[in-house]
Amino acid sequence: QVQLVESGGGSVQAGGSLRLSCAASGRTFNPFAMDWYRLAPGKDRDLVARIMWITGNTNYTKSVEGRFTISRDRAKKTVYLQMDSLEPGNTTNYYCRADYAERDCWGQGTQVAVSS
């Protein structure tokens, strides 16, 4: 059974950067895609970025285009989210998700706090 563990969250000033990581355990790991979601208290989950596991094709929500970069290392079974030019509005919890098309798997989340 695959488990996802996020890391890399923390506190940063506006304009700063953070790099989130999501590492998968288990002998085999071949999702259809990997996603980063954000979830603020009282709000719906919001897809931030997606990367196709095999092709590496990516897409982003409009508000982070040009500032965030999703990438993956298939050998390490890890997906990353490089977050640059952070804004206070990016403050929330971030979760990675493995999309297997017919099912999914979520990490426990990592907190990002951006101060002005």
PDB file of N, CA and C in Angstrom:
ATOM      1  N   GLN A   1       0.848  -1.182   0.000  1.00  0.00           N
ATOM      2  CA  GLN A   1       0.000   0.000   0.000  1.00  0.00           C
ATOM      3  C   GLN A   1       0.888   1.238   0.000  1.00  0.00           C
ATOM      4  N   VAL A   2       0.604   2.162  -0.906  1.00  0.00           N
ATOM      5  CA  VAL A   2       1.414   3.359  -1.032  1.00  0.00           C
ATOM      6  C   VAL A   2       1.037   4.360   0.042  1.00  0.00           C
ATOM      7  N   GLN A   3       2.049   4.980   0.601  1.00  0.00           N
ATOM      8  CA  GLN A   3       1.843   6.116   1.501  1.00  0.00           C
ATOM      9  C   GLN A   3       2.595   7.314   0.939  1.00  0.00           C
ATOM     10  N   LEU A   4       1.996   8.486   1.090  1.00  0.00           N
ATOM     11  CA  LEU A   4       2.611   9.728   0.635  1.00  0.00           C
ATOM     12  C   LEU A   4       2.954  10.582   1.842  1.00  0.00           C
ATOM     13  N   VAL A   5       4.173  11.100   1.850  1.00  0.00           N
ATOM     14  CA  VAL A   5       4.622  11.935   2.958  1.00  0.00           C
ATOM     15  C   VAL A   5       5.132  13.257   2.408  1.00  0.00           C
ATOM     16  N   GLU A   6       4.447  14.339   2.808  1.00  0.00           N
ATOM     17  CA  GLU A   6       4.870  15.673   2.371  1.00  0.00           C
ATOM     18  C   GLU A   6       5.869  16.261   3.356  1.00  0.00           C
ATOM     19  N   SER A   7       6.689  17.139   2.842  1.00  0.00           N
ATOM     20  CA  SER A   7       7.623  17.885   3.684  1.00  0.00           C
ATOM     21  C   SER A   7       7.964  19.186   2.979  1.00  0.00           C
ATOM     22  N   GLY A   8       8.633  20.077   3.708  1.00  0.00           N
ATOM     23  CA  GLY A   8       9.110  21.311   3.095  1.00  0.00           C
ATOM     24  C   GLY A   8       8.296  22.541   3.409  1.00  0.00           C
ATOM     25  N   GLY A   9       7.185  22.367   4.091  1.00  0.00           N
ATOM     26  CA  GLY A   9       6.400  23.537   4.455  1.00  0.00           C
ATOM     27  C   GLY A   9       7.109  24.353   5.525  1.00  0.00           C
ATOM     28  N   GLY A  10       6.556  25.535   5.796  1.00  0.00           N
ATOM     29  CA  GLY A  10       7.149  26.379   6.815  1.00  0.00           C
ATOM     30  C   GLY A  10       6.655  27.801   6.695  1.00  0.00           C
ATOM     31  N   SER A  11       7.365  28.700   7.339  1.00  0.00           N
ATOM     32  CA  SER A  11       7.004  30.113   7.337  1.00  0.00           C
ATOM     33  C   SER A  11       8.020  30.894   6.526  1.00  0.00           C
ATOM     34  N   VAL A  12       7.518  31.845   5.757  1.00  0.00           N
ATOM     35  CA  VAL A  12       8.394  32.636   4.904  1.00  0.00           C
ATOM     36  C   VAL A  12       7.769  34.008   4.721  1.00  0.00           C
ATOM     37  N   GLN A  13       8.581  34.993   4.433  1.00  0.00           N
ATOM     38  CA  GLN A  13       8.058  36.321   4.155  1.00  0.00           C
ATOM     39  C   GLN A  13       7.599  36.412   2.701  1.00  0.00           C
ATOM     40  N   ALA A  14       6.708  37.323   2.451  1.00  0.00           N
ATOM     41  CA  ALA A  14       6.216  37.542   1.086  1.00  0.00           C
ATOM     42  C   ALA A  14       7.389  37.791   0.146  1.00  0.00           C
ATOM     43  N   GLY A  15       7.322  37.168  -1.012  1.00  0.00           N
ATOM     44  CA  GLY A  15       8.405  37.255  -1.973  1.00  0.00           C
ATOM     45  C   GLY A  15       9.400  36.119  -1.870  1.00  0.00           C
ATOM     46  N   GLY A  16       9.303  35.368  -0.788  1.00  0.00           N
ATOM     47  CA  GLY A  16      10.222  34.262  -0.571  1.00  0.00           C
ATOM     48  C   GLY A  16       9.807  33.001  -1.305  1.00  0.00           C
ATOM     49  N   SER A  17      10.556  31.927  -1.055  1.00  0.00           N
ATOM     50  CA  SER A  17      10.347  30.655  -1.745  1.00  0.00           C
ATOM     51  C   SER A  17      10.326  29.498  -0.764  1.00  0.00           C
ATOM     52  N   LEU A  18       9.601  28.476  -1.142  1.00  0.00           N
ATOM     53  CA  LEU A  18       9.609  27.199  -0.443  1.00  0.00           C
ATOM     54  C   LEU A  18       9.551  26.094  -1.481  1.00  0.00           C
ATOM     55  N   ARG A  19      10.080  24.945  -1.123  1.00  0.00           N
ATOM     56  CA  ARG A  19       9.993  23.773  -1.996  1.00  0.00           C
ATOM     57  C   ARG A  19       9.359  22.643  -1.220  1.00  0.00           C
ATOM     58  N   LEU A  20       8.193  22.242  -1.646  1.00  0.00           N
ATOM     59  CA  LEU A  20       7.501  21.123  -1.037  1.00  0.00           C
ATOM     60  C   LEU A  20       7.908  19.835  -1.736  1.00  0.00           C
ATOM     61  N   SER A  21       7.992  18.772  -0.952  1.00  0.00           N
ATOM     62  CA  SER A  21       8.284  17.448  -1.483  1.00  0.00           C
ATOM     63  C   SER A  21       7.195  16.485  -1.052  1.00  0.00           C
ATOM     64  N   CYS A  22       6.952  15.501  -1.875  1.00  0.00           N
ATOM     65  CA  CYS A  22       5.996  14.443  -1.555  1.00  0.00           C
ATOM     66  C   CYS A  22       6.625  13.127  -1.985  1.00  0.00           C
ATOM     67  N   ALA A  23       6.989  12.327  -1.011  1.00  0.00           N
ATOM     68  CA  ALA A  23       7.674  11.075  -1.285  1.00  0.00           C
ATOM     69  C   ALA A  23       6.726   9.907  -1.092  1.00  0.00           C
ATOM     70  N   ALA A  24       6.752   8.983  -2.025  1.00  0.00           N
ATOM     71  CA  ALA A  24       5.892   7.807  -1.969  1.00  0.00           C
ATOM     72  C   ALA A  24       6.677   6.604  -1.475  1.00  0.00           C
ATOM     73  N   SER A  25       6.044   5.846  -0.598  1.00  0.00           N
ATOM     74  CA  SER A  25       6.634   4.595  -0.151  1.00  0.00           C
ATOM     75  C   SER A  25       6.053   3.459  -0.973  1.00  0.00           C
ATOM     76  N   GLY A  26       6.594   2.278  -0.806  1.00  0.00           N
ATOM     77  CA  GLY A  26       6.079   1.135  -1.547  1.00  0.00           C
ATOM     78  C   GLY A  26       7.019   0.756  -2.661  1.00  0.00           C
ATOM     79  N   ARG A  27       6.972  -0.515  -3.052  1.00  0.00           N
ATOM     80  CA  ARG A  27       7.930  -1.010  -4.029  1.00  0.00           C
ATOM     81  C   ARG A  27       7.647  -0.476  -5.430  1.00  0.00           C
ATOM     82  N   THR A  28       6.379  -0.437  -5.796  1.00  0.00           N
ATOM     83  CA  THR A  28       6.031   0.097  -7.104  1.00  0.00           C
ATOM     84  C   THR A  28       5.185   1.354  -6.931  1.00  0.00           C
ATOM     85  N   PHE A  29       5.356   2.268  -7.846  1.00  0.00           N
ATOM     86  CA  PHE A  29       4.609   3.510  -7.776  1.00  0.00           C
ATOM     87  C   PHE A  29       4.414   4.001  -9.196  1.00  0.00           C
ATOM     88  N   ASN A  30       3.222   3.856  -9.715  1.00  0.00           N
ATOM     89  CA  ASN A  30       2.964   4.252 -11.098  1.00  0.00           C
ATOM     90  C   ASN A  30       1.591   4.890 -11.236  1.00  0.00           C
ATOM     91  N   PRO A  31       1.402   6.053 -10.621  1.00  0.00           N
ATOM     92  CA  PRO A  31       0.113   6.731 -10.765  1.00  0.00           C
ATOM     93  C   PRO A  31      -0.073   7.289 -12.164  1.00  0.00           C
ATOM     94  N   PHE A  32      -1.254   7.654 -12.470  1.00  0.00           N
ATOM     95  CA  PHE A  32      -1.563   8.330 -13.722  1.00  0.00           C
ATOM     96  C   PHE A  32      -0.999   9.747 -13.681  1.00  0.00           C
ATOM     97  N   ALA A  33      -1.180  10.405 -12.538  1.00  0.00           N
ATOM     98  CA  ALA A  33      -0.704  11.773 -12.362  1.00  0.00           C
ATOM     99  C   ALA A  33      -0.494  12.041 -10.872  1.00  0.00           C
ATOM    100  N   MET A  34       0.244  13.095 -10.591  1.00  0.00           N
ATOM    101  CA  MET A  34       0.420  13.555  -9.216  1.00  0.00           C
ATOM    102  C   MET A  34      -0.040  15.000  -9.139  1.00  0.00           C
ATOM    103  N   ASP A  35      -0.735  15.300  -8.070  1.00  0.00           N
ATOM    104  CA  ASP A  35      -1.289  16.636  -7.893  1.00  0.00           C
ATOM    105  C   ASP A  35      -0.818  17.242  -6.588  1.00  0.00           C
ATOM    106  N   TRP A  36      -0.797  18.577  -6.581  1.00  0.00           N
ATOM    107  CA  TRP A  36      -0.719  19.337  -5.329  1.00  0.00           C
ATOM    108  C   TRP A  36      -2.027  20.105  -5.182  1.00  0.00           C
ATOM    109  N   TYR A  37      -2.635  19.934  -4.008  1.00  0.00           N
ATOM    110  CA  TYR A  37      -3.861  20.642  -3.672  1.00  0.00           C
ATOM    111  C   TYR A  37      -3.581  21.559  -2.495  1.00  0.00           C
ATOM    112  N   ARG A  38      -4.433  22.561  -2.358  1.00  0.00           N
ATOM    113  CA  ARG A  38      -4.400  23.386  -1.155  1.00  0.00           C
ATOM    114  C   ARG A  38      -5.782  23.360  -0.517  1.00  0.00           C
ATOM    115  N   LEU A  39      -5.777  23.472   0.790  1.00  0.00           N
ATOM    116  CA  LEU A  39      -7.025  23.421   1.538  1.00  0.00           C
ATOM    117  C   LEU A  39      -6.934  24.377   2.703  1.00  0.00           C
ATOM    118  N   ALA A  40      -7.715  25.428   2.640  1.00  0.00           N
ATOM    119  CA  ALA A  40      -7.792  26.371   3.743  1.00  0.00           C
ATOM    120  C   ALA A  40      -9.005  26.016   4.596  1.00  0.00           C
ATOM    121  N   PRO A  41      -8.952  26.297   5.884  1.00  0.00           N
ATOM    122  CA  PRO A  41     -10.091  25.973   6.761  1.00  0.00           C
ATOM    123  C   PRO A  41     -11.385  26.584   6.240  1.00  0.00           C
ATOM    124  N   GLY A  42     -12.422  25.772   6.175  1.00  0.00           N
ATOM    125  CA  GLY A  42     -13.723  26.252   5.744  1.00  0.00           C
ATOM    126  C   GLY A  42     -13.882  26.402   4.252  1.00  0.00           C
ATOM    127  N   LYS A  43     -12.890  25.973   3.480  1.00  0.00           N
ATOM    128  CA  LYS A  43     -12.969  26.112   2.030  1.00  0.00           C
ATOM    129  C   LYS A  43     -12.831  24.747   1.366  1.00  0.00           C
ATOM    130  N   ASP A  44     -13.196  24.677   0.086  1.00  0.00           N
ATOM    131  CA  ASP A  44     -13.054  23.441  -0.673  1.00  0.00           C
ATOM    132  C   ASP A  44     -11.600  23.234  -1.071  1.00  0.00           C
ATOM    133  N   ARG A  45     -11.277  21.958  -1.316  1.00  0.00           N
ATOM    134  CA  ARG A  45      -9.944  21.661  -1.834  1.00  0.00           C
ATOM    135  C   ARG A  45      -9.794  22.267  -3.220  1.00  0.00           C
ATOM    136  N   ASP A  46      -8.606  22.767  -3.480  1.00  0.00           N
ATOM    137  CA  ASP A  46      -8.343  23.517  -4.705  1.00  0.00           C
ATOM    138  C   ASP A  46      -7.086  22.945  -5.352  1.00  0.00           C
ATOM    139  N   LEU A  47      -7.205  22.488  -6.604  1.00  0.00           N
ATOM    140  CA  LEU A  47      -6.052  21.943  -7.312  1.00  0.00           C
ATOM    141  C   LEU A  47      -5.097  23.071  -7.663  1.00  0.00           C
ATOM    142  N   VAL A  48      -3.848  22.922  -7.258  1.00  0.00           N
ATOM    143  CA  VAL A  48      -2.828  23.926  -7.521  1.00  0.00           C
ATOM    144  C   VAL A  48      -2.038  23.574  -8.775  1.00  0.00           C
ATOM    145  N   ALA A  49      -1.584  22.329  -8.861  1.00  0.00           N
ATOM    146  CA  ALA A  49      -0.741  21.915  -9.980  1.00  0.00           C
ATOM    147  C   ALA A  49      -0.859  20.412 -10.175  1.00  0.00           C
ATOM    148  N   ARG A  50      -0.649  19.993 -11.413  1.00  0.00           N
ATOM    149  CA  ARG A  50      -0.713  18.564 -11.764  1.00  0.00           C
ATOM    150  C   ARG A  50       0.445  18.249 -12.692  1.00  0.00           C
ATOM    151  N   ILE A  51       0.976  17.040 -12.522  1.00  0.00           N
ATOM    152  CA  ILE A  51       2.003  16.554 -13.431  1.00  0.00           C
ATOM    153  C   ILE A  51       1.669  15.116 -13.808  1.00  0.00           C
ATOM    154  N   MET A  52       1.710  14.822 -15.086  1.00  0.00           N
ATOM    155  CA  MET A  52       1.495  13.462 -15.564  1.00  0.00           C
ATOM    156  C   MET A  52       2.745  12.651 -15.263  1.00  0.00           C
ATOM    157  N   TRP A  53       2.562  11.504 -14.643  1.00  0.00           N
ATOM    158  CA  TRP A  53       3.713  10.777 -14.114  1.00  0.00           C
ATOM    159  C   TRP A  53       4.663  10.301 -15.214  1.00  0.00           C
ATOM    160  N   ILE A  54       4.103   9.826 -16.336  1.00  0.00           N
ATOM    161  CA  ILE A  54       4.958   9.283 -17.389  1.00  0.00           C
ATOM    162  C   ILE A  54       5.518  10.401 -18.271  1.00  0.00           C
ATOM    163  N   THR A  55       4.671  11.279 -18.758  1.00  0.00           N
ATOM    164  CA  THR A  55       5.102  12.277 -19.747  1.00  0.00           C
ATOM    165  C   THR A  55       5.736  13.515 -19.115  1.00  0.00           C
ATOM    166  N   GLY A  56       5.384  13.795 -17.885  1.00  0.00           N
ATOM    167  CA  GLY A  56       5.875  15.013 -17.248  1.00  0.00           C
ATOM    168  C   GLY A  56       5.113  16.266 -17.631  1.00  0.00           C
ATOM    169  N   ASN A  57       4.066  16.121 -18.421  1.00  0.00           N
ATOM    170  CA  ASN A  57       3.252  17.289 -18.770  1.00  0.00           C
ATOM    171  C   ASN A  57       2.633  17.879 -17.516  1.00  0.00           C
ATOM    172  N   THR A  58       2.540  19.204 -17.489  1.00  0.00           N
ATOM    173  CA  THR A  58       2.078  19.896 -16.285  1.00  0.00           C
ATOM    174  C   THR A  58       0.950  20.866 -16.607  1.00  0.00           C
ATOM    175  N   ASN A  59       0.153  21.158 -15.604  1.00  0.00           N
ATOM    176  CA  ASN A  59      -0.746  22.297 -15.678  1.00  0.00           C
ATOM    177  C   ASN A  59      -0.952  22.873 -14.283  1.00  0.00           C
ATOM    178  N   TYR A  60      -1.375  24.136 -14.271  1.00  0.00           N
ATOM    179  CA  TYR A  60      -1.429  24.917 -13.036  1.00  0.00           C
ATOM    180  C   TYR A  60      -2.722  25.708 -12.964  1.00  0.00           C
ATOM    181  N   THR A  61      -3.142  25.986 -11.740  1.00  0.00           N
ATOM    182  CA  THR A  61      -4.218  26.931 -11.586  1.00  0.00           C
ATOM    183  C   THR A  61      -3.670  28.323 -11.920  1.00  0.00           C
ATOM    184  N   LYS A  62      -4.544  29.180 -12.458  1.00  0.00           N
ATOM    185  CA  LYS A  62      -4.110  30.482 -12.988  1.00  0.00           C
ATOM    186  C   LYS A  62      -3.324  31.310 -11.991  1.00  0.00           C
ATOM    187  N   SER A  63      -3.722  31.267 -10.747  1.00  0.00           N
ATOM    188  CA  SER A  63      -3.143  32.177  -9.760  1.00  0.00           C
ATOM    189  C   SER A  63      -1.689  31.875  -9.439  1.00  0.00           C
ATOM    190  N   VAL A  64      -1.215  30.686  -9.796  1.00  0.00           N
ATOM    191  CA  VAL A  64       0.166  30.334  -9.478  1.00  0.00           C
ATOM    192  C   VAL A  64       1.040  30.192 -10.711  1.00  0.00           C
ATOM    193  N   GLU A  65       0.460  30.304 -11.883  1.00  0.00           N
ATOM    194  CA  GLU A  65       1.255  30.176 -13.116  1.00  0.00           C
ATOM    195  C   GLU A  65       2.379  31.198 -13.130  1.00  0.00           C
ATOM    196  N   GLY A  66       3.568  30.716 -13.459  1.00  0.00           N
ATOM    197  CA  GLY A  66       4.739  31.591 -13.499  1.00  0.00           C
ATOM    198  C   GLY A  66       5.442  31.735 -12.167  1.00  0.00           C
ATOM    199  N   ARG A  67       4.804  31.276 -11.100  1.00  0.00           N
ATOM    200  CA  ARG A  67       5.427  31.375  -9.768  1.00  0.00           C
ATOM    201  C   ARG A  67       5.706  30.003  -9.166  1.00  0.00           C
ATOM    202  N   PHE A  68       4.855  29.037  -9.446  1.00  0.00           N
ATOM    203  CA  PHE A  68       5.019  27.687  -8.908  1.00  0.00           C
ATOM    204  C   PHE A  68       5.442  26.751 -10.033  1.00  0.00           C
ATOM    205  N   THR A  69       6.252  25.758  -9.675  1.00  0.00           N
ATOM    206  CA  THR A  69       6.682  24.755 -10.640  1.00  0.00           C
ATOM    207  C   THR A  69       6.571  23.374 -10.021  1.00  0.00           C
ATOM    208  N   ILE A  70       5.819  22.505 -10.683  1.00  0.00           N
ATOM    209  CA  ILE A  70       5.705  21.122 -10.233  1.00  0.00           C
ATOM    210  C   ILE A  70       6.669  20.276 -11.051  1.00  0.00           C
ATOM    211  N   SER A  71       7.314  19.334 -10.383  1.00  0.00           N
ATOM    212  CA  SER A  71       8.242  18.435 -11.066  1.00  0.00           C
ATOM    213  C   SER A  71       8.207  17.090 -10.368  1.00  0.00           C
ATOM    214  N   ARG A  72       8.807  16.098 -11.002  1.00  0.00           N
ATOM    215  CA  ARG A  72       8.851  14.793 -10.343  1.00  0.00           C
ATOM    216  C   ARG A  72      10.155  14.098 -10.679  1.00  0.00           C
ATOM    217  N   ASP A  73      10.532  13.216  -9.758  1.00  0.00           N
ATOM    218  CA  ASP A  73      11.682  12.343  -9.936  1.00  0.00           C
ATOM    219  C   ASP A  73      11.140  10.935  -9.833  1.00  0.00           C
ATOM    220  N   ARG A  74      11.010  10.285 -10.968  1.00  0.00           N
ATOM    221  CA  ARG A  74      10.367   8.973 -10.969  1.00  0.00           C
ATOM    222  C   ARG A  74      11.198   7.943 -10.219  1.00  0.00           C
ATOM    223  N   ALA A  75      12.513   8.049 -10.331  1.00  0.00           N
ATOM    224  CA  ALA A  75      13.380   7.092  -9.642  1.00  0.00           C
ATOM    225  C   ALA A  75      13.248   7.212  -8.126  1.00  0.00           C
ATOM    226  N   LYS A  76      13.056   8.433  -7.652  1.00  0.00           N
ATOM    227  CA  LYS A  76      12.912   8.655  -6.209  1.00  0.00           C
ATOM    228  C   LYS A  76      11.459   8.576  -5.768  1.00  0.00           C
ATOM    229  N   LYS A  77      10.531   8.400  -6.713  1.00  0.00           N
ATOM    230  CA  LYS A  77       9.101   8.344  -6.400  1.00  0.00           C
ATOM    231  C   LYS A  77       8.673   9.580  -5.619  1.00  0.00           C
ATOM    232  N   THR A  78       9.120  10.713  -6.095  1.00  0.00           N
ATOM    233  CA  THR A  78       8.892  11.971  -5.386  1.00  0.00           C
ATOM    234  C   THR A  78       8.405  13.044  -6.352  1.00  0.00           C
ATOM    235  N   VAL A  79       7.469  13.826  -5.880  1.00  0.00           N
ATOM    236  CA  VAL A  79       6.996  14.988  -6.637  1.00  0.00           C
ATOM    237  C   VAL A  79       7.297  16.227  -5.813  1.00  0.00           C
ATOM    238  N   TYR A  80       7.594  17.304  -6.512  1.00  0.00           N
ATOM    239  CA  TYR A  80       7.995  18.551  -5.860  1.00  0.00           C
ATOM    240  C   TYR A  80       7.069  19.687  -6.282  1.00  0.00           C
ATOM    241  N   LEU A  81       6.990  20.679  -5.430  1.00  0.00           N
ATOM    242  CA  LEU A  81       6.331  21.926  -5.795  1.00  0.00           C
ATOM    243  C   LEU A  81       7.244  23.063  -5.358  1.00  0.00           C
ATOM    244  N   GLN A  82       7.899  23.670  -6.337  1.00  0.00           N
ATOM    245  CA  GLN A  82       8.730  24.842  -6.078  1.00  0.00           C
ATOM    246  C   GLN A  82       7.826  26.059  -6.094  1.00  0.00           C
ATOM    247  N   MET A  83       7.798  26.776  -4.995  1.00  0.00           N
ATOM    248  CA  MET A  83       6.911  27.935  -4.866  1.00  0.00           C
ATOM    249  C   MET A  83       7.768  29.186  -4.708  1.00  0.00           C
ATOM    250  N   ASP A  84       7.732  30.046  -5.691  1.00  0.00           N
ATOM    251  CA  ASP A  84       8.494  31.295  -5.691  1.00  0.00           C
ATOM    252  C   ASP A  84       7.538  32.477  -5.637  1.00  0.00           C
ATOM    253  N   SER A  85       8.099  33.622  -5.279  1.00  0.00           N
ATOM    254  CA  SER A  85       7.302  34.861  -5.197  1.00  0.00           C
ATOM    255  C   SER A  85       6.035  34.634  -4.381  1.00  0.00           C
ATOM    256  N   LEU A  86       6.204  34.020  -3.234  1.00  0.00           N
ATOM    257  CA  LEU A  86       5.047  33.686  -2.402  1.00  0.00           C
ATOM    258  C   LEU A  86       4.346  34.937  -1.901  1.00  0.00           C
ATOM    259  N   GLU A  87       3.047  34.796  -1.777  1.00  0.00           N
ATOM    260  CA  GLU A  87       2.184  35.887  -1.331  1.00  0.00           C
ATOM    261  C   GLU A  87       1.427  35.441  -0.076  1.00  0.00           C
ATOM    262  N   PRO A  88       0.990  36.400   0.749  1.00  0.00           N
ATOM    263  CA  PRO A  88       0.222  36.002   1.943  1.00  0.00           C
ATOM    264  C   PRO A  88      -0.996  35.147   1.595  1.00  0.00           C
ATOM    265  N   GLY A  89      -1.578  35.369   0.442  1.00  0.00           N
ATOM    266  CA  GLY A  89      -2.726  34.570   0.017  1.00  0.00           C
ATOM    267  C   GLY A  89      -2.404  33.115  -0.253  1.00  0.00           C
ATOM    268  N   ASN A  90      -1.116  32.762  -0.310  1.00  0.00           N
ATOM    269  CA  ASN A  90      -0.727  31.372  -0.498  1.00  0.00           C
ATOM    270  C   ASN A  90      -0.679  30.609   0.821  1.00  0.00           C
ATOM    271  N   THR A  91      -0.959  31.292   1.908  1.00  0.00           N
ATOM    272  CA  THR A  91      -0.952  30.656   3.223  1.00  0.00           C
ATOM    273  C   THR A  91      -2.097  29.662   3.326  1.00  0.00           C
ATOM    274  N   THR A  92      -1.750  28.405   3.548  1.00  0.00           N
ATOM    275  CA  THR A  92      -2.735  27.353   3.743  1.00  0.00           C
ATOM    276  C   THR A  92      -1.994  26.033   3.894  1.00  0.00           C
ATOM    277  N   ASN A  93      -2.759  24.955   3.985  1.00  0.00           N
ATOM    278  CA  ASN A  93      -2.170  23.617   3.997  1.00  0.00           C
ATOM    279  C   ASN A  93      -2.141  23.052   2.578  1.00  0.00           C
ATOM    280  N   TYR A  94      -1.046  22.386   2.243  1.00  0.00           N
ATOM    281  CA  TYR A  94      -0.874  21.815   0.911  1.00  0.00           C
ATOM    282  C   TYR A  94      -0.789  20.292   1.034  1.00  0.00           C
ATOM    283  N   TYR A  95      -1.453  19.614   0.105  1.00  0.00           N
ATOM    284  CA  TYR A  95      -1.533  18.164   0.114  1.00  0.00           C
ATOM    285  C   TYR A  95      -1.133  17.616  -1.252  1.00  0.00           C
ATOM    286  N   CYS A  96      -0.409  16.534  -1.253  1.00  0.00           N
ATOM    287  CA  CYS A  96      -0.178  15.864  -2.518  1.00  0.00           C
ATOM    288  C   CYS A  96      -1.154  14.705  -2.667  1.00  0.00           C
ATOM    289  N   ARG A  97      -1.413  14.385  -3.899  1.00  0.00           N
ATOM    290  CA  ARG A  97      -2.390  13.340  -4.232  1.00  0.00           C
ATOM    291  C   ARG A  97      -1.846  12.524  -5.398  1.00  0.00           C
ATOM    292  N   ALA A  98      -1.941  11.220  -5.259  1.00  0.00           N
ATOM    293  CA  ALA A  98      -1.602  10.307  -6.346  1.00  0.00           C
ATOM    294  C   ALA A  98      -2.901   9.894  -7.026  1.00  0.00           C
ATOM    295  N   ASP A  99      -3.002  10.177  -8.291  1.00  0.00           N
ATOM    296  CA  ASP A  99      -4.212   9.861  -9.063  1.00  0.00           C
ATOM    297  C   ASP A  99      -3.972   8.572  -9.832  1.00  0.00           C
ATOM    298  N   TYR A 100      -4.708   7.532  -9.450  1.00  0.00           N
ATOM    299  CA  TYR A 100      -4.639   6.255 -10.150  1.00  0.00           C
ATOM    300  C   TYR A 100      -5.830   6.078 -11.076  1.00  0.00           C
ATOM    301  N   ALA A 101      -6.526   7.128 -11.368  1.00  0.00           N
ATOM    302  CA  ALA A 101      -7.698   7.159 -12.252  1.00  0.00           C
ATOM    303  C   ALA A 101      -8.934   6.598 -11.541  1.00  0.00           C
ATOM    304  N   GLU A 102      -8.859   5.346 -11.075  1.00  0.00           N
ATOM    305  CA  GLU A 102     -10.042   4.751 -10.421  1.00  0.00           C
ATOM    306  C   GLU A 102      -9.988   4.895  -8.907  1.00  0.00           C
ATOM    307  N   ARG A 103      -8.880   5.364  -8.383  1.00  0.00           N
ATOM    308  CA  ARG A 103      -8.744   5.584  -6.950  1.00  0.00           C
ATOM    309  C   ARG A 103      -7.653   6.622  -6.755  1.00  0.00           C
ATOM    310  N   ASP A 104      -7.519   7.085  -5.535  1.00  0.00           N
ATOM    311  CA  ASP A 104      -6.440   8.018  -5.272  1.00  0.00           C
ATOM    312  C   ASP A 104      -5.882   7.804  -3.870  1.00  0.00           C
ATOM    313  N   CYS A 105      -4.805   8.493  -3.609  1.00  0.00           N
ATOM    314  CA  CYS A 105      -4.114   8.379  -2.338  1.00  0.00           C
ATOM    315  C   CYS A 105      -3.639   9.779  -1.976  1.00  0.00           C
ATOM    316  N   TRP A 106      -3.805  10.138  -0.695  1.00  0.00           N
ATOM    317  CA  TRP A 106      -3.465  11.482  -0.246  1.00  0.00           C
ATOM    318  C   TRP A 106      -2.388  11.444   0.829  1.00  0.00           C
ATOM    319  N   GLY A 107      -1.580  12.495   0.849  1.00  0.00           N
ATOM    320  CA  GLY A 107      -0.644  12.681   1.936  1.00  0.00           C
ATOM    321  C   GLY A 107      -1.315  13.379   3.104  1.00  0.00           C
ATOM    322  N   GLN A 108      -0.552  13.584   4.165  1.00  0.00           N
ATOM    323  CA  GLN A 108      -1.112  14.149   5.389  1.00  0.00           C
ATOM    324  C   GLN A 108      -1.118  15.676   5.387  1.00  0.00           C
ATOM    325  N   GLY A 109      -0.413  16.273   4.439  1.00  0.00           N
ATOM    326  CA  GLY A 109      -0.407  17.716   4.318  1.00  0.00           C
ATOM    327  C   GLY A 109       0.802  18.362   4.958  1.00  0.00           C
ATOM    328  N   THR A 110       1.107  19.545   4.461  1.00  0.00           N
ATOM    329  CA  THR A 110       2.178  20.347   5.030  1.00  0.00           C
ATOM    330  C   THR A 110       1.728  21.803   5.015  1.00  0.00           C
ATOM    331  N   GLN A 111       2.069  22.522   6.059  1.00  0.00           N
ATOM    332  CA  GLN A 111       1.556  23.872   6.223  1.00  0.00           C
ATOM    333  C   GLN A 111       2.525  24.904   5.663  1.00  0.00           C
ATOM    334  N   VAL A 112       1.968  25.872   4.955  1.00  0.00           N
ATOM    335  CA  VAL A 112       2.737  26.994   4.420  1.00  0.00           C
ATOM    336  C   VAL A 112       2.144  28.283   4.975  1.00  0.00           C
ATOM    337  N   ALA A 113       3.011  29.128   5.526  1.00  0.00           N
ATOM    338  CA  ALA A 113       2.567  30.416   6.071  1.00  0.00           C
ATOM    339  C   ALA A 113       3.425  31.519   5.470  1.00  0.00           C
ATOM    340  N   VAL A 114       2.786  32.468   4.832  1.00  0.00           N
ATOM    341  CA  VAL A 114       3.491  33.571   4.192  1.00  0.00           C
ATOM    342  C   VAL A 114       3.077  34.867   4.873  1.00  0.00           C
ATOM    343  N   SER A 115       4.048  35.571   5.434  1.00  0.00           N
ATOM    344  CA  SER A 115       3.756  36.821   6.133  1.00  0.00           C
ATOM    345  C   SER A 115       4.090  38.017   5.255  1.00  0.00           C
ATOM    346  N   SER A 116       3.359  39.086   5.486  1.00  0.00           N
ATOM    347  CA  SER A 116       3.580  40.297   4.668  1.00  0.00           C
ATOM    348  C   SER A 116       4.642  41.190   5.281  1.00  0.00           C
TER     349      SER A 116
END
